[in-house]
N, C-alpha and C. Protein backbone atom coordinates (compact mmCIF):
# COMPACT_ATOMS: atom_id res chain seq x y z
N MET A 1 -3.59 -14.22 5.12
CA MET A 1 -4.82 -13.71 5.71
C MET A 1 -5.18 -12.39 5.03
N MET A 2 -6.47 -12.19 4.88
CA MET A 2 -6.99 -10.95 4.31
C MET A 2 -7.83 -10.25 5.38
N GLU A 3 -7.81 -8.93 5.38
CA GLU A 3 -8.64 -8.14 6.30
C GLU A 3 -9.43 -7.12 5.52
N MET A 4 -10.68 -6.91 5.94
CA MET A 4 -11.53 -5.90 5.33
C MET A 4 -12.11 -5.03 6.44
N LYS A 5 -11.94 -3.72 6.30
CA LYS A 5 -12.54 -2.82 7.27
C LYS A 5 -14.05 -2.78 7.03
N ILE A 6 -14.81 -3.04 8.09
CA ILE A 6 -16.26 -3.10 8.00
C ILE A 6 -16.90 -1.80 8.44
N ALA A 7 -16.41 -1.22 9.54
CA ALA A 7 -17.05 -0.01 10.07
C ALA A 7 -16.13 0.68 11.06
N SER A 8 -16.44 1.93 11.34
CA SER A 8 -15.83 2.70 12.43
C SER A 8 -16.96 3.37 13.18
N ARG A 9 -16.86 3.37 14.50
CA ARG A 9 -17.89 4.00 15.33
C ARG A 9 -17.22 4.77 16.45
N SER A 10 -17.83 5.90 16.82
CA SER A 10 -17.33 6.73 17.91
C SER A 10 -18.40 6.89 18.96
N CYS A 11 -17.95 7.03 20.20
CA CYS A 11 -18.87 7.26 21.32
C CYS A 11 -18.09 7.91 22.45
N ALA A 12 -18.81 8.46 23.41
CA ALA A 12 -18.19 9.01 24.61
C ALA A 12 -18.25 7.95 25.70
N ASP A 13 -17.14 7.79 26.45
CA ASP A 13 -17.16 6.83 27.55
C ASP A 13 -17.75 7.47 28.80
N ASP A 14 -17.72 6.74 29.92
CA ASP A 14 -18.32 7.22 31.17
C ASP A 14 -17.68 8.50 31.69
N LEU A 15 -16.44 8.76 31.28
CA LEU A 15 -15.75 9.97 31.71
C LEU A 15 -15.87 11.11 30.70
N GLY A 16 -16.64 10.87 29.64
CA GLY A 16 -16.85 11.90 28.63
C GLY A 16 -15.79 11.96 27.55
N ARG A 17 -14.84 11.02 27.57
CA ARG A 17 -13.79 10.99 26.56
C ARG A 17 -14.32 10.37 25.27
N GLN A 18 -13.94 10.95 24.15
CA GLN A 18 -14.34 10.40 22.85
C GLN A 18 -13.50 9.18 22.53
N ARG A 19 -14.15 8.09 22.13
CA ARG A 19 -13.45 6.86 21.76
C ARG A 19 -13.94 6.42 20.38
N THR A 20 -13.00 5.97 19.56
CA THR A 20 -13.33 5.51 18.21
C THR A 20 -12.81 4.10 18.03
N PHE A 21 -13.71 3.21 17.56
CA PHE A 21 -13.37 1.82 17.31
C PHE A 21 -13.46 1.53 15.82
N HIS A 22 -12.50 0.74 15.32
CA HIS A 22 -12.47 0.31 13.93
C HIS A 22 -12.64 -1.22 13.91
N TYR A 23 -13.60 -1.69 13.10
CA TYR A 23 -13.97 -3.11 13.06
C TYR A 23 -13.53 -3.72 11.73
N TYR A 24 -12.86 -4.86 11.81
CA TYR A 24 -12.33 -5.55 10.64
C TYR A 24 -12.79 -7.00 10.61
N LEU A 25 -13.10 -7.48 9.42
CA LEU A 25 -13.35 -8.89 9.18
C LEU A 25 -12.04 -9.50 8.71
N THR A 26 -11.64 -10.61 9.31
CA THR A 26 -10.44 -11.31 8.86
C THR A 26 -10.87 -12.60 8.17
N VAL A 27 -10.15 -12.94 7.10
CA VAL A 27 -10.50 -14.12 6.31
C VAL A 27 -9.24 -14.94 6.06
N ASP A 28 -9.27 -16.20 6.46
CA ASP A 28 -8.20 -17.15 6.19
C ASP A 28 -8.75 -18.26 5.31
N GLN A 29 -7.87 -18.92 4.59
CA GLN A 29 -8.24 -20.09 3.80
C GLN A 29 -7.81 -21.33 4.57
N ILE A 30 -8.73 -22.29 4.74
CA ILE A 30 -8.37 -23.55 5.38
C ILE A 30 -8.68 -24.70 4.43
N PRO A 31 -7.78 -25.67 4.34
CA PRO A 31 -8.03 -26.81 3.45
C PRO A 31 -9.07 -27.76 4.05
N VAL A 32 -9.99 -28.17 3.22
CA VAL A 32 -11.01 -29.15 3.60
C VAL A 32 -11.03 -30.20 2.48
N GLY A 33 -10.30 -31.28 2.70
CA GLY A 33 -10.18 -32.28 1.64
C GLY A 33 -9.46 -31.69 0.45
N GLN A 34 -10.09 -31.77 -0.72
CA GLN A 34 -9.49 -31.23 -1.94
C GLN A 34 -9.88 -29.77 -2.18
N PHE A 35 -10.64 -29.20 -1.28
CA PHE A 35 -11.13 -27.83 -1.44
C PHE A 35 -10.55 -26.92 -0.36
N CYS A 36 -10.76 -25.63 -0.51
CA CYS A 36 -10.42 -24.66 0.52
C CYS A 36 -11.70 -23.97 0.97
N CYS A 37 -11.73 -23.62 2.21
CA CYS A 37 -12.90 -22.98 2.81
C CYS A 37 -12.46 -21.68 3.46
N GLU A 38 -13.31 -20.67 3.44
CA GLU A 38 -12.99 -19.41 4.12
C GLU A 38 -13.33 -19.53 5.60
N ASP A 39 -12.40 -19.09 6.44
CA ASP A 39 -12.53 -19.12 7.89
C ASP A 39 -12.50 -17.68 8.38
N TYR A 40 -13.56 -17.24 9.04
CA TYR A 40 -13.72 -15.83 9.39
C TYR A 40 -13.38 -15.54 10.85
N GLY A 41 -12.81 -14.37 11.06
CA GLY A 41 -12.52 -13.87 12.40
C GLY A 41 -12.78 -12.37 12.42
N VAL A 42 -12.49 -11.74 13.55
CA VAL A 42 -12.68 -10.29 13.68
C VAL A 42 -11.50 -9.65 14.39
N ARG A 43 -11.32 -8.37 14.11
CA ARG A 43 -10.33 -7.56 14.80
C ARG A 43 -10.97 -6.22 15.11
N ILE A 44 -10.70 -5.70 16.30
CA ILE A 44 -11.16 -4.37 16.69
C ILE A 44 -9.96 -3.56 17.14
N ASP A 45 -9.79 -2.39 16.56
CA ASP A 45 -8.74 -1.45 16.95
C ASP A 45 -9.40 -0.23 17.57
N GLU A 46 -8.87 0.22 18.69
CA GLU A 46 -9.30 1.50 19.23
C GLU A 46 -8.30 2.54 18.77
N GLU A 47 -8.80 3.63 18.22
CA GLU A 47 -7.92 4.69 17.75
C GLU A 47 -7.07 5.17 18.93
N ASP A 48 -5.75 5.17 18.74
CA ASP A 48 -4.81 5.57 19.79
C ASP A 48 -4.95 4.71 21.05
N GLY A 49 -5.27 3.42 20.87
CA GLY A 49 -5.45 2.56 22.04
C GLY A 49 -5.21 1.10 21.74
N ASP A 50 -5.97 0.26 22.43
CA ASP A 50 -5.82 -1.19 22.35
C ASP A 50 -6.29 -1.76 21.01
N SER A 51 -5.88 -3.00 20.78
CA SER A 51 -6.32 -3.76 19.62
C SER A 51 -6.51 -5.20 20.07
N ALA A 52 -7.50 -5.87 19.49
CA ALA A 52 -7.72 -7.29 19.80
C ALA A 52 -8.24 -7.98 18.55
N SER A 53 -7.85 -9.23 18.39
CA SER A 53 -8.38 -10.01 17.27
C SER A 53 -8.65 -11.44 17.72
N VAL A 54 -9.66 -12.03 17.11
CA VAL A 54 -10.00 -13.43 17.35
C VAL A 54 -10.16 -14.08 15.98
N PRO A 55 -9.22 -14.94 15.60
CA PRO A 55 -9.32 -15.62 14.31
C PRO A 55 -10.20 -16.87 14.41
N SER A 56 -10.54 -17.41 13.27
CA SER A 56 -11.19 -18.74 13.20
C SER A 56 -12.43 -18.86 14.07
N ILE A 57 -13.35 -17.93 13.92
CA ILE A 57 -14.59 -17.97 14.70
C ILE A 57 -15.62 -18.88 14.03
N THR A 58 -15.76 -18.75 12.71
CA THR A 58 -16.76 -19.52 11.98
C THR A 58 -16.40 -19.58 10.50
N THR A 59 -16.94 -20.57 9.82
CA THR A 59 -16.80 -20.65 8.36
C THR A 59 -18.08 -20.19 7.67
N SER A 60 -19.05 -19.76 8.46
CA SER A 60 -20.35 -19.33 7.92
C SER A 60 -20.38 -17.83 7.67
N PRO A 61 -20.57 -17.40 6.41
CA PRO A 61 -20.69 -15.97 6.13
C PRO A 61 -21.88 -15.33 6.85
N VAL A 62 -22.97 -16.06 6.99
CA VAL A 62 -24.16 -15.53 7.66
C VAL A 62 -23.87 -15.30 9.14
N ARG A 63 -23.22 -16.26 9.79
CA ARG A 63 -22.92 -16.14 11.23
C ARG A 63 -21.93 -15.00 11.50
N ILE A 64 -20.90 -14.85 10.66
CA ILE A 64 -19.93 -13.78 10.92
C ILE A 64 -20.57 -12.42 10.68
N ASP A 65 -21.50 -12.34 9.73
CA ASP A 65 -22.24 -11.10 9.51
C ASP A 65 -23.08 -10.75 10.73
N GLU A 66 -23.73 -11.75 11.32
CA GLU A 66 -24.51 -11.52 12.54
C GLU A 66 -23.62 -11.02 13.67
N LEU A 67 -22.45 -11.64 13.82
CA LEU A 67 -21.53 -11.24 14.88
C LEU A 67 -21.00 -9.83 14.64
N MET A 68 -20.60 -9.51 13.42
CA MET A 68 -20.09 -8.17 13.13
C MET A 68 -21.15 -7.12 13.41
N THR A 69 -22.38 -7.40 13.04
CA THR A 69 -23.48 -6.46 13.31
C THR A 69 -23.63 -6.25 14.81
N LEU A 70 -23.58 -7.32 15.58
CA LEU A 70 -23.68 -7.23 17.03
C LEU A 70 -22.55 -6.38 17.61
N LEU A 71 -21.33 -6.62 17.16
CA LEU A 71 -20.17 -5.88 17.67
C LEU A 71 -20.26 -4.39 17.35
N VAL A 72 -20.57 -4.07 16.11
CA VAL A 72 -20.64 -2.67 15.67
C VAL A 72 -21.80 -1.95 16.33
N ASP A 73 -22.99 -2.56 16.32
CA ASP A 73 -24.18 -1.91 16.87
C ASP A 73 -24.06 -1.65 18.37
N ASN A 74 -23.30 -2.49 19.07
CA ASN A 74 -23.17 -2.35 20.52
C ASN A 74 -21.85 -1.70 20.94
N LEU A 75 -21.11 -1.17 19.96
CA LEU A 75 -19.85 -0.46 20.22
C LEU A 75 -18.91 -1.26 21.11
N VAL A 76 -18.76 -2.55 20.78
CA VAL A 76 -17.87 -3.42 21.55
C VAL A 76 -16.43 -3.00 21.28
N GLY A 77 -15.65 -2.84 22.34
CA GLY A 77 -14.26 -2.45 22.22
C GLY A 77 -13.34 -3.65 22.30
N PRO A 78 -12.05 -3.42 22.08
CA PRO A 78 -11.07 -4.52 22.08
C PRO A 78 -11.02 -5.29 23.39
N VAL A 79 -11.18 -4.60 24.50
CA VAL A 79 -11.05 -5.24 25.81
C VAL A 79 -12.11 -6.31 26.04
N SER A 80 -13.30 -6.10 25.54
CA SER A 80 -14.39 -7.06 25.79
C SER A 80 -14.68 -7.98 24.61
N LEU A 81 -13.88 -7.92 23.56
CA LEU A 81 -14.15 -8.71 22.35
C LEU A 81 -14.26 -10.21 22.64
N GLU A 82 -13.28 -10.78 23.32
CA GLU A 82 -13.28 -12.23 23.56
C GLU A 82 -14.48 -12.66 24.40
N ASP A 83 -14.84 -11.88 25.41
CA ASP A 83 -16.00 -12.22 26.25
C ASP A 83 -17.29 -12.21 25.44
N VAL A 84 -17.44 -11.21 24.59
CA VAL A 84 -18.66 -11.12 23.77
C VAL A 84 -18.74 -12.31 22.81
N ILE A 85 -17.62 -12.67 22.21
CA ILE A 85 -17.62 -13.82 21.29
C ILE A 85 -17.93 -15.11 22.04
N ASP A 86 -17.36 -15.29 23.23
CA ASP A 86 -17.65 -16.49 24.02
C ASP A 86 -19.14 -16.59 24.34
N ASP A 87 -19.75 -15.48 24.70
CA ASP A 87 -21.19 -15.48 25.00
C ASP A 87 -22.02 -15.71 23.74
N TRP A 88 -21.56 -15.18 22.61
CA TRP A 88 -22.27 -15.30 21.34
C TRP A 88 -22.30 -16.74 20.83
N LYS A 89 -21.21 -17.46 21.06
CA LYS A 89 -21.11 -18.85 20.58
C LYS A 89 -22.13 -19.68 21.30
C-alpha cells in the first residue's frame, strides 16, 4: 500500500482547543483479470489524537478526489470519517 499526504487543516473546537487534522490518500493495487487497478482509500490523523482509515472506497480517481475535497473542506475528523463516507456513497 502507498500513502500520500494530501492536506493538513487546523481549527478550534467548541471548547476553543486547537485541533489539527492530516489527510492521506491510500492506494492499493488490485488484480482485475490480467491487469492491476488502483483502489483508493483515505486516512485521517489528528495531531496528538485519534486516527482512522477506510481502505477500498473506489477505483475512480475522480470520485476519490471529490471525497478528499469534501473531507478537507469540511474539516472531517477521524471520529466521523466512516459516517461521512457512508453518507457520501
